[in-house]
Amino acid sequence: MQELIKILIGIIVLVLGIPIGKFLAKVTREELKQGKKWFKLIIIVSLIGALINLVLRNDVLLFSFLFIAVVTYQSWRGK
């Protein structure tokens, strides 16, 4: 039961990453133009970290890396 609660909290936090990323994209337009290439690198590294922690069954780091990937992707995609 505790594992299910941890997973649900993780999913809720990931969903909250979408509006946070859009908000950051709106607030920091100038910085986004200069750092577009770095956003792709951050997304790739975050997804690799998430996959490694999925294999290692470390939920905290898994969801942390996924949160970073979601927020960064939403910021990168935001126009």
N, C-alpha and C. Protein backbone atom coordinates (compact mmCIF):
# COMPACT_ATOMS: atom_id res chain seq x y z
N MET A 1 0.82 -1.19 0.00
CA MET A 1 0.00 0.00 0.00
C MET A 1 0.87 1.27 0.00
N GLN A 2 1.97 1.23 0.75
CA GLN A 2 2.85 2.40 0.78
C GLN A 2 3.52 2.64 -0.57
N GLU A 3 3.86 1.57 -1.27
CA GLU A 3 4.46 1.72 -2.60
C GLU A 3 3.49 2.40 -3.56
N LEU A 4 2.22 2.01 -3.48
CA LEU A 4 1.21 2.61 -4.35
C LEU A 4 1.06 4.10 -4.06
N ILE A 5 1.09 4.46 -2.80
CA ILE A 5 0.99 5.88 -2.43
C ILE A 5 2.20 6.65 -2.94
N LYS A 6 3.39 6.06 -2.83
CA LYS A 6 4.61 6.72 -3.34
C LYS A 6 4.51 6.94 -4.85
N ILE A 7 4.03 5.93 -5.56
CA ILE A 7 3.91 6.04 -7.02
C ILE A 7 2.89 7.11 -7.39
N LEU A 8 1.75 7.15 -6.69
CA LEU A 8 0.73 8.16 -6.98
C LEU A 8 1.24 9.57 -6.70
N ILE A 9 1.98 9.76 -5.61
CA ILE A 9 2.55 11.07 -5.32
C ILE A 9 3.56 11.45 -6.40
N GLY A 10 4.37 10.50 -6.84
CA GLY A 10 5.32 10.76 -7.91
C GLY A 10 4.64 11.17 -9.20
N ILE A 11 3.56 10.52 -9.53
CA ILE A 11 2.82 10.86 -10.76
C ILE A 11 2.20 12.25 -10.65
N ILE A 12 1.67 12.58 -9.48
CA ILE A 12 1.09 13.91 -9.28
C ILE A 12 2.17 14.99 -9.44
N VAL A 13 3.34 14.74 -8.87
CA VAL A 13 4.44 15.70 -8.99
C VAL A 13 4.87 15.84 -10.45
N LEU A 14 4.90 14.74 -11.19
CA LEU A 14 5.26 14.81 -12.61
C LEU A 14 4.24 15.62 -13.40
N VAL A 15 2.98 15.44 -13.10
CA VAL A 15 1.94 16.21 -13.79
C VAL A 15 2.07 17.70 -13.46
N LEU A 16 2.44 18.01 -12.22
CA LEU A 16 2.65 19.41 -11.85
C LEU A 16 3.85 20.02 -12.57
N GLY A 17 4.75 19.20 -13.07
CA GLY A 17 5.90 19.69 -13.81
C GLY A 17 5.52 20.37 -15.12
N ILE A 18 4.38 20.00 -15.68
CA ILE A 18 3.93 20.58 -16.95
C ILE A 18 3.63 22.07 -16.80
N PRO A 19 2.76 22.47 -15.86
CA PRO A 19 2.52 23.92 -15.74
C PRO A 19 3.75 24.68 -15.22
N ILE A 20 4.57 24.03 -14.41
CA ILE A 20 5.78 24.70 -13.93
C ILE A 20 6.72 25.00 -15.09
N GLY A 21 6.89 24.04 -15.99
CA GLY A 21 7.73 24.26 -17.17
C GLY A 21 7.19 25.35 -18.07
N LYS A 22 5.88 25.38 -18.27
CA LYS A 22 5.28 26.42 -19.10
C LYS A 22 5.45 27.80 -18.46
N PHE A 23 5.30 27.85 -17.13
CA PHE A 23 5.49 29.11 -16.43
C PHE A 23 6.93 29.60 -16.56
N LEU A 24 7.89 28.72 -16.38
CA LEU A 24 9.29 29.10 -16.52
C LEU A 24 9.61 29.56 -17.94
N ALA A 25 9.00 28.92 -18.93
CA ALA A 25 9.22 29.34 -20.31
C ALA A 25 8.68 30.75 -20.55
N LYS A 26 7.57 31.06 -19.92
CA LYS A 26 6.97 32.38 -20.11
C LYS A 26 7.79 33.46 -19.41
N VAL A 27 8.32 33.13 -18.24
CA VAL A 27 9.04 34.12 -17.44
C VAL A 27 10.45 34.36 -17.96
N THR A 28 11.09 33.35 -18.53
CA THR A 28 12.51 33.45 -18.91
C THR A 28 12.71 33.29 -20.41
N ARG A 29 12.03 34.07 -21.20
CA ARG A 29 12.12 33.95 -22.65
C ARG A 29 13.52 34.22 -23.19
N GLU A 30 14.20 35.22 -22.65
CA GLU A 30 15.53 35.58 -23.18
C GLU A 30 16.54 34.47 -22.95
N GLU A 31 16.51 33.87 -21.76
CA GLU A 31 17.46 32.81 -21.44
C GLU A 31 17.19 31.56 -22.27
N LEU A 32 15.95 31.32 -22.60
CA LEU A 32 15.60 30.13 -23.38
C LEU A 32 16.20 30.18 -24.78
N LYS A 33 16.24 31.36 -25.38
CA LYS A 33 16.79 31.47 -26.73
C LYS A 33 18.27 31.11 -26.75
N GLN A 34 19.00 31.53 -25.73
CA GLN A 34 20.43 31.28 -25.69
C GLN A 34 20.75 29.84 -25.32
N GLY A 35 19.90 29.19 -24.55
CA GLY A 35 20.25 27.87 -24.04
C GLY A 35 19.51 26.70 -24.65
N LYS A 36 18.95 26.87 -25.84
CA LYS A 36 18.17 25.79 -26.47
C LYS A 36 18.97 24.50 -26.61
N LYS A 37 20.24 24.59 -27.01
CA LYS A 37 21.04 23.38 -27.21
C LYS A 37 21.28 22.65 -25.90
N TRP A 38 21.37 23.40 -24.80
CA TRP A 38 21.62 22.77 -23.50
C TRP A 38 20.37 22.08 -22.97
N PHE A 39 19.21 22.56 -23.36
CA PHE A 39 17.98 21.93 -22.92
C PHE A 39 17.87 20.50 -23.44
N LYS A 40 18.27 20.29 -24.68
CA LYS A 40 18.25 18.94 -25.24
C LYS A 40 19.18 18.02 -24.45
N LEU A 41 20.36 18.51 -24.10
CA LEU A 41 21.31 17.72 -23.33
C LEU A 41 20.76 17.39 -21.94
N ILE A 42 20.14 18.36 -21.30
CA ILE A 42 19.55 18.12 -19.98
C ILE A 42 18.45 17.07 -20.05
N ILE A 43 17.62 17.14 -21.09
CA ILE A 43 16.55 16.17 -21.25
C ILE A 43 17.12 14.76 -21.45
N ILE A 44 18.12 14.63 -22.30
CA ILE A 44 18.72 13.32 -22.57
C ILE A 44 19.36 12.75 -21.31
N VAL A 45 20.14 13.57 -20.59
CA VAL A 45 20.80 13.09 -19.37
C VAL A 45 19.76 12.71 -18.32
N SER A 46 18.68 13.47 -18.21
CA SER A 46 17.64 13.16 -17.24
C SER A 46 16.94 11.84 -17.57
N LEU A 47 16.67 11.61 -18.84
CA LEU A 47 16.02 10.36 -19.22
C LEU A 47 16.94 9.16 -19.01
N ILE A 48 18.23 9.33 -19.28
CA ILE A 48 19.19 8.25 -19.01
C ILE A 48 19.25 7.97 -17.51
N GLY A 49 19.30 9.01 -16.71
CA GLY A 49 19.30 8.85 -15.25
C GLY A 49 18.04 8.17 -14.76
N ALA A 50 16.90 8.51 -15.37
CA ALA A 50 15.64 7.88 -14.98
C ALA A 50 15.65 6.39 -15.32
N LEU A 51 16.17 6.04 -16.50
CA LEU A 51 16.24 4.62 -16.88
C LEU A 51 17.15 3.82 -15.95
N ILE A 52 18.28 4.42 -15.59
CA ILE A 52 19.20 3.73 -14.67
C ILE A 52 18.54 3.50 -13.32
N ASN A 53 17.83 4.51 -12.82
CA ASN A 53 17.18 4.36 -11.53
C ASN A 53 15.93 3.50 -11.59
N LEU A 54 15.36 3.34 -12.76
CA LEU A 54 14.27 2.39 -12.93
C LEU A 54 14.80 0.97 -12.76
N VAL A 55 15.95 0.70 -13.34
CA VAL A 55 16.58 -0.61 -13.21
C VAL A 55 17.02 -0.86 -11.77
N LEU A 56 17.56 0.18 -11.13
CA LEU A 56 18.04 0.05 -9.75
C LEU A 56 16.91 0.11 -8.72
N ARG A 57 15.70 0.41 -9.17
CA ARG A 57 14.51 0.51 -8.32
C ARG A 57 14.65 1.57 -7.24
N ASN A 58 15.20 2.71 -7.62
CA ASN A 58 15.31 3.85 -6.72
C ASN A 58 14.25 4.87 -7.14
N ASP A 59 13.09 4.80 -6.49
CA ASP A 59 11.95 5.61 -6.89
C ASP A 59 12.19 7.11 -6.76
N VAL A 60 12.88 7.51 -5.70
CA VAL A 60 13.08 8.94 -5.47
C VAL A 60 13.89 9.56 -6.61
N LEU A 61 15.00 8.94 -6.96
CA LEU A 61 15.82 9.48 -8.06
C LEU A 61 15.12 9.31 -9.41
N LEU A 62 14.38 8.25 -9.58
CA LEU A 62 13.63 8.04 -10.82
C LEU A 62 12.68 9.20 -11.06
N PHE A 63 11.87 9.52 -10.06
CA PHE A 63 10.91 10.61 -10.23
C PHE A 63 11.60 11.97 -10.27
N SER A 64 12.72 12.12 -9.60
CA SER A 64 13.46 13.38 -9.66
C SER A 64 13.96 13.63 -11.08
N PHE A 65 14.58 12.61 -11.68
CA PHE A 65 15.06 12.77 -13.05
C PHE A 65 13.91 12.98 -14.03
N LEU A 66 12.81 12.28 -13.83
CA LEU A 66 11.66 12.47 -14.72
C LEU A 66 11.07 13.87 -14.57
N PHE A 67 11.04 14.38 -13.34
CA PHE A 67 10.54 15.74 -13.12
C PHE A 67 11.41 16.76 -13.85
N ILE A 68 12.72 16.59 -13.73
CA ILE A 68 13.64 17.49 -14.43
C ILE A 68 13.41 17.42 -15.94
N ALA A 69 13.22 16.21 -16.45
CA ALA A 69 13.00 16.05 -17.89
C ALA A 69 11.69 16.70 -18.33
N VAL A 70 10.63 16.54 -17.54
CA VAL A 70 9.33 17.12 -17.90
C VAL A 70 9.39 18.64 -17.87
N VAL A 71 9.94 19.21 -16.80
CA VAL A 71 10.01 20.67 -16.69
C VAL A 71 10.89 21.25 -17.81
N THR A 72 12.02 20.61 -18.06
CA THR A 72 12.92 21.10 -19.10
C THR A 72 12.28 20.99 -20.48
N TYR A 73 11.59 19.88 -20.74
CA TYR A 73 10.93 19.72 -22.04
C TYR A 73 9.85 20.78 -22.22
N GLN A 74 9.07 21.03 -21.19
CA GLN A 74 8.01 22.03 -21.31
C GLN A 74 8.60 23.43 -21.50
N SER A 75 9.70 23.71 -20.83
CA SER A 75 10.35 25.01 -21.01
C SER A 75 10.93 25.13 -22.41
N TRP A 76 11.57 24.07 -22.88
CA TRP A 76 12.19 24.06 -24.22
C TRP A 76 11.14 24.20 -25.31
N ARG A 77 10.02 23.51 -25.12
CA ARG A 77 8.96 23.53 -26.11
C ARG A 77 8.16 24.82 -26.09
N GLY A 78 8.09 25.45 -24.91
CA GLY A 78 7.30 26.69 -24.77
C GLY A 78 7.82 27.79 -25.65
N LYS A 79 6.90 28.54 -26.25
CA LYS A 79 7.31 29.58 -27.18
C LYS A 79 6.82 30.93 -26.71
